[in-house]
Protein backbone atom coordinates (compact mmCIF):
# COMPACT_ATOMS: atom_id res chain seq x y z
CA UNK A 1 15.48 -4.66 17.93
CA UNK A 2 12.07 -6.10 15.84
CA UNK A 3 12.48 -6.31 12.33
CA UNK A 4 10.07 -5.38 10.02
CA UNK A 5 9.61 -6.19 5.88
CA UNK A 6 8.27 -4.49 4.05
CA UNK A 7 7.23 -4.74 0.21
CA UNK A 8 5.63 -2.70 -2.22
CA UNK A 9 6.23 -3.07 -6.21
CA UNK A 10 7.12 0.60 -6.13
CA UNK A 11 7.40 3.59 -3.91
CA UNK A 12 3.93 3.23 -2.54
CA UNK A 13 4.49 1.46 0.65
CA UNK A 14 6.18 3.98 2.54
CA UNK A 15 2.28 5.25 2.94
CA UNK A 16 1.88 2.57 5.02
CA UNK A 17 6.17 2.67 6.27
CA UNK A 18 5.34 6.48 7.93
CA UNK A 19 2.13 5.09 9.74
CA UNK A 20 4.55 1.43 11.34
CA UNK A 21 7.30 4.60 12.30
CA UNK A 22 5.01 6.60 14.15
CA UNK A 23 3.57 3.88 16.06
CA UNK A 24 6.38 1.66 16.56
CA UNK A 25 9.69 3.18 18.52
CA UNK A 26 13.25 1.67 17.96
CA UNK A 27 12.55 -0.94 15.19
CA UNK A 28 14.13 -1.68 12.04
CA UNK A 29 12.22 -1.64 8.65
CA UNK A 30 13.50 -3.43 5.15
CA UNK A 31 12.15 -2.02 2.80
CA UNK A 32 11.88 -3.57 -0.75
CA UNK A 33 10.55 -2.45 -3.86
CA UNK A 34 9.91 -4.66 -6.77
CA UNK A 35 9.88 -1.59 -9.31
CA UNK A 36 10.73 -4.36 -12.37
CA UNK A 37 7.51 -4.71 -12.84
CA UNK A 38 5.98 -1.56 -11.47
CA UNK A 39 3.34 -1.18 -11.18
CA UNK A 40 1.35 -4.29 -10.07
CA UNK A 41 -1.97 -3.06 -10.79
CA UNK A 42 -1.10 -4.16 -14.42
CA UNK A 43 0.58 -7.53 -13.92
CA UNK A 44 -1.15 -11.05 -14.35
CA UNK A 45 -2.07 -12.89 -11.10
CA UNK A 46 -0.13 -15.86 -11.50
CA UNK A 47 3.57 -13.30 -11.74
CA UNK A 48 3.13 -10.93 -8.85
CA UNK A 49 2.48 -14.22 -7.12
CA UNK A 50 5.78 -15.79 -8.85
CA UNK A 51 7.68 -11.97 -7.09
CA UNK A 52 5.94 -12.96 -3.40
CA UNK A 53 7.39 -16.26 -3.28
CA UNK A 54 10.86 -15.02 -4.97
CA UNK A 55 10.55 -12.34 -1.86
CA UNK A 56 10.54 -14.73 0.59
CA UNK A 57 12.95 -17.05 -0.85
CA UNK A 58 15.24 -13.77 -0.99
CA UNK A 59 14.33 -12.72 2.94
CA UNK A 60 15.21 -16.68 3.86
CA UNK A 61 18.58 -16.57 1.90
CA UNK A 62 19.36 -12.73 2.10
CA UNK A 63 18.11 -11.10 4.30
CA UNK A 64 18.09 -12.92 7.24
CA UNK A 65 15.58 -12.88 10.69
CA UNK A 66 12.51 -10.91 10.02
CA UNK A 67 9.37 -11.37 12.84
CA UNK A 68 6.99 -9.50 10.44
CA UNK A 69 6.24 -8.97 7.12
CA UNK A 70 3.83 -6.25 5.49
CA UNK A 71 2.58 -6.56 1.77
CA UNK A 72 2.26 -2.55 1.71
CA UNK A 73 0.15 -3.17 -1.64
CA UNK A 74 -3.17 -3.33 -2.33
CA UNK A 75 -2.83 -5.84 -6.16
CA UNK A 76 -0.32 -8.10 -4.18
CA UNK A 77 -2.36 -8.72 -1.09
CA UNK A 78 -5.45 -9.33 -3.15
CA UNK A 79 -3.79 -11.58 -5.64
CA UNK A 80 -1.42 -13.23 -3.95
CA UNK A 81 -1.55 -13.05 0.07
CA UNK A 82 -3.22 -16.72 1.21
CA UNK A 83 -0.09 -17.77 -1.38
CA UNK A 84 3.10 -15.74 0.65
CA UNK A 85 1.88 -17.44 4.31
CA UNK A 86 1.97 -20.95 2.65
CA UNK A 87 6.00 -20.40 2.35
CA UNK A 88 6.86 -19.21 5.82
CA UNK A 89 6.17 -18.85 9.61
CA UNK A 90 6.31 -15.27 9.47
CA UNK A 91 3.33 -13.33 10.27
CA UNK A 92 2.43 -11.49 7.43
CA UNK A 93 0.20 -8.62 7.22
CA UNK A 94 -1.55 -7.50 3.95
CA UNK A 95 -3.63 -4.17 2.33
CA UNK A 96 -7.12 -4.55 1.03
CA UNK A 97 -9.44 -1.67 0.62
CA UNK A 98 -10.39 0.46 3.17
CA UNK A 99 -14.57 0.08 1.83
CA UNK A 100 -15.64 -1.27 5.75
CA UNK A 101 -14.54 1.80 6.80
CA UNK A 102 -15.82 3.75 4.18
CA UNK A 103 -19.03 2.37 3.86
CA UNK A 104 -19.65 3.07 7.66
CA UNK A 105 -18.94 6.03 7.76
CA UNK A 106 -20.75 7.41 4.63
CA UNK A 107 -23.46 10.10 5.12
CA UNK A 108 -24.78 9.70 1.63
CA UNK A 109 -24.31 5.75 1.58
CA UNK A 110 -22.62 6.21 -1.57
CA UNK A 111 -19.12 5.62 -2.11
CA UNK A 112 -15.98 4.82 -4.53
CA UNK A 113 -13.30 2.71 -4.69
CA UNK A 114 -10.21 4.20 -6.10
CA UNK A 115 -7.50 1.38 -7.18
CA UNK A 116 -5.42 -0.17 -9.98
CA UNK A 117 -7.14 -2.21 -12.60
CA UNK A 118 -6.53 -5.66 -10.75
CA UNK A 119 -7.22 -4.32 -7.23
CA UNK A 120 -11.07 -2.96 -8.42
CA UNK A 121 -11.50 -5.46 -10.95
CA UNK A 122 -10.44 -8.62 -8.63
CA UNK A 123 -12.98 -11.65 -7.08
CA UNK A 124 -11.37 -10.46 -3.55
CA UNK A 125 -12.48 -7.00 -3.89
CA UNK A 126 -15.86 -7.86 -4.89
CA UNK A 127 -16.06 -10.06 -2.25
CA UNK A 128 -15.04 -7.25 0.56
CA UNK A 129 -17.19 -4.89 -1.56
CA UNK A 130 -20.41 -7.42 -1.25
CA UNK A 131 -19.80 -8.22 2.16
CA UNK A 132 -19.02 -4.90 4.13
CA UNK A 133 -20.87 -2.37 2.26
CA UNK A 134 -24.53 -3.14 2.57
CA UNK A 135 -27.28 -0.33 2.13
CA UNK A 136 -24.27 1.50 0.35
CA UNK A 137 -23.75 1.92 -3.38
CA UNK A 138 -20.26 1.61 -4.58
CA UNK A 139 -18.68 2.95 -7.83
CA UNK A 140 -15.29 1.21 -8.40
CA UNK A 141 -13.03 3.31 -10.31
CA UNK A 142 -9.08 2.72 -11.05
CA UNK A 143 -6.22 4.39 -12.24
CA UNK A 144 -2.69 3.90 -12.55
CA UNK A 145 -2.21 7.13 -14.14
CA UNK A 146 -1.87 8.76 -10.68
CA UNK A 147 0.90 5.87 -9.87
CA UNK A 148 2.86 7.47 -12.09
CA UNK A 149 2.49 10.91 -10.58
CA UNK A 150 3.05 9.57 -6.77
CA UNK A 151 5.44 8.16 -7.84
CA UNK A 152 7.67 11.01 -9.89
CA UNK A 153 6.00 13.17 -7.29
CA UNK A 154 8.36 11.33 -4.35
CA UNK A 155 11.44 10.81 -6.16
CA UNK A 156 11.61 14.43 -7.69
CA UNK A 157 9.67 16.19 -4.69
CA UNK A 158 7.97 17.85 -8.41
CA UNK A 159 3.90 16.80 -8.57
CA UNK A 160 2.33 17.75 -12.09
CA UNK A 161 -1.34 19.15 -10.69
CA UNK A 162 -2.50 19.18 -14.08
CA UNK A 163 -2.13 15.74 -14.94
CA UNK A 164 -3.31 14.77 -11.27
CA UNK A 165 -6.74 17.36 -12.06
CA UNK A 166 -7.34 15.68 -15.25
CA UNK A 167 -7.07 12.38 -14.10
CA UNK A 168 -9.32 12.80 -11.36
CA UNK A 169 -11.63 14.52 -13.94
CA UNK A 170 -11.65 11.47 -16.03
CA UNK A 171 -12.65 9.28 -12.76
CA UNK A 172 -16.42 11.51 -13.19
CA UNK A 173 -17.20 10.42 -9.39
CA UNK A 174 -20.76 11.24 -8.97
CA UNK A 175 -21.68 14.40 -6.78
CA UNK A 176 -23.03 12.26 -4.09
CA UNK A 177 -20.28 10.33 -3.09
CA UNK A 178 -18.68 11.79 0.11
CA UNK A 179 -16.06 9.01 0.73
CA UNK A 180 -13.13 7.90 -1.72
CA UNK A 181 -11.29 4.28 -0.77
CA UNK A 182 -7.88 5.22 -1.48
CA UNK A 183 -7.49 1.68 -2.57
CA UNK A 184 -3.50 1.99 -3.68
CA UNK A 185 -0.62 2.61 -1.21
CA UNK A 186 0.72 5.29 -3.72
CA UNK A 187 -2.43 7.35 -3.42
CA UNK A 188 -2.13 8.63 0.04
CA UNK A 189 1.27 10.66 -0.79
CA UNK A 190 -0.65 12.23 -2.61
CA UNK A 191 -4.09 12.63 -1.15
CA UNK A 192 -3.95 16.64 -0.55
CA UNK A 193 -3.78 17.14 -3.60
CA UNK A 194 -5.98 14.27 -4.47
CA UNK A 195 -8.35 16.19 -1.76
CA UNK A 196 -8.13 19.45 -3.55
CA UNK A 197 -9.23 18.33 -6.85
CA UNK A 198 -12.27 16.68 -5.94
CA UNK A 199 -15.82 18.34 -4.47
CA UNK A 200 -15.24 19.66 -0.69
CA UNK A 201 -17.78 16.94 0.99
CA UNK A 202 -15.73 13.90 -0.03
CA UNK A 203 -13.54 12.28 2.30
CA UNK A 204 -10.84 10.33 1.84
CA UNK A 205 -10.08 7.28 3.58
CA UNK A 206 -7.04 4.48 3.78
CA UNK A 207 -5.70 1.61 5.36
CA UNK A 208 -2.46 2.93 6.93
CA UNK A 209 -3.69 3.38 10.22
CA UNK A 210 -5.03 0.21 10.79
CA UNK A 211 -2.18 -1.44 9.27
CA UNK A 212 -0.02 0.13 11.70
CA UNK A 213 -2.66 -1.05 14.63
CA UNK A 214 -2.88 -4.57 13.50
CA UNK A 215 1.30 -4.62 13.78
CA UNK A 216 1.58 -3.64 16.78
CA UNK A 217 -0.84 -6.16 17.87
CA UNK A 218 0.91 -8.68 16.35
CA UNK A 219 4.52 -7.85 17.50
CA UNK A 220 2.76 -7.36 21.08
CA UNK A 221 5.86 -7.45 23.91
CA UNK A 222 8.94 -7.23 21.31
CA UNK A 223 8.29 -3.81 20.71
CA UNK A 224 8.31 -0.33 22.88
CA UNK A 225 5.10 2.09 21.84
CA UNK A 226 4.54 6.07 22.69
CA UNK A 227 8.44 5.96 24.53
CA UNK A 228 9.41 8.93 26.53
CA UNK A 229 12.82 8.84 24.23
CA UNK A 230 11.76 7.78 21.24
CA UNK A 231 14.83 5.73 19.21
CA UNK A 232 15.00 6.10 15.79
CA UNK A 233 13.97 3.59 13.45
CA UNK A 234 16.18 2.54 11.03
CA UNK A 235 15.07 1.96 7.24
CA UNK A 236 17.36 -0.12 4.31
CA UNK A 237 15.82 0.26 1.09
CA UNK A 238 16.23 -2.11 -1.46
CA UNK A 239 14.60 -2.16 -4.87
CA UNK A 240 14.82 -4.70 -8.39
CA UNK A 241 15.71 -2.44 -10.88
CA UNK A 242 17.54 0.89 -10.68
CA UNK A 243 15.92 4.31 -9.61
CA UNK A 244 16.51 7.63 -11.02
CA UNK A 245 16.67 9.73 -8.33
CA UNK A 246 18.72 9.90 -4.94
CA UNK A 247 16.36 10.37 -2.29
CA UNK A 248 17.43 7.05 -1.10
CA UNK A 249 19.99 4.95 -0.71
CA UNK A 250 19.20 1.90 -2.56
CA UNK A 251 20.57 -1.94 -3.06
CA UNK A 252 19.49 -3.67 -6.06
CA UNK A 253 18.15 -7.04 -5.28
CA UNK A 254 16.79 -9.99 -7.19
CA UNK A 255 13.92 -11.51 -6.69
CA UNK A 256 14.05 -14.66 -9.26
CA UNK A 257 13.82 -18.04 -7.40
CA UNK A 258 16.22 -19.50 -9.66
């Protein structure tokens, strides 16, 4: 059975995990959240690099065999993906904002990227926009409040709709924008409710399905896709700080390299 390690600062990476589970049957997943430093969107780059190194060290010492690592966090991917690949032979997939498909599908040629401050403001994201959105006007918006709202929704199954709509209103998205890129993996968890706060012509775009397709491509013959009788996927959850709520059985771990 193939084993995939999925990593995020919080529960947002489960939006990617859902796509992975839908595409891959009979795969074992370890989901690690570094919630001691949630959200990564407010953390400095060097700290995030250190946490990613700690993750790989923990995987090697405590988790054992892993066939693929998915860094299901836009901020961690844009800050530390290349650094992570220096410390392991295991293939690593990162998540980057889906500005390319958004730009190519936009009818108004006006799109917006909604991410955390660290993702929307960093050089990697700026280069991504320069390289793949030619002919499009791109708004860069950021929010950490939506991360908080999504986390609370996941653990308590309660959505603060007033706070959500107030945050979307604060962003002041131009009326001509017709594609909104969800540049944080937390945001797809509340995508339906985000869309309800937007004008009807705005379509949401995220990277989840593309990441799952890439995983299928990398694992190749190690996996069975589309079995007639799908085998259930096993998911084990790990966190670096206690979680309020008992939705998942979670083991507390330490990612400090020392």
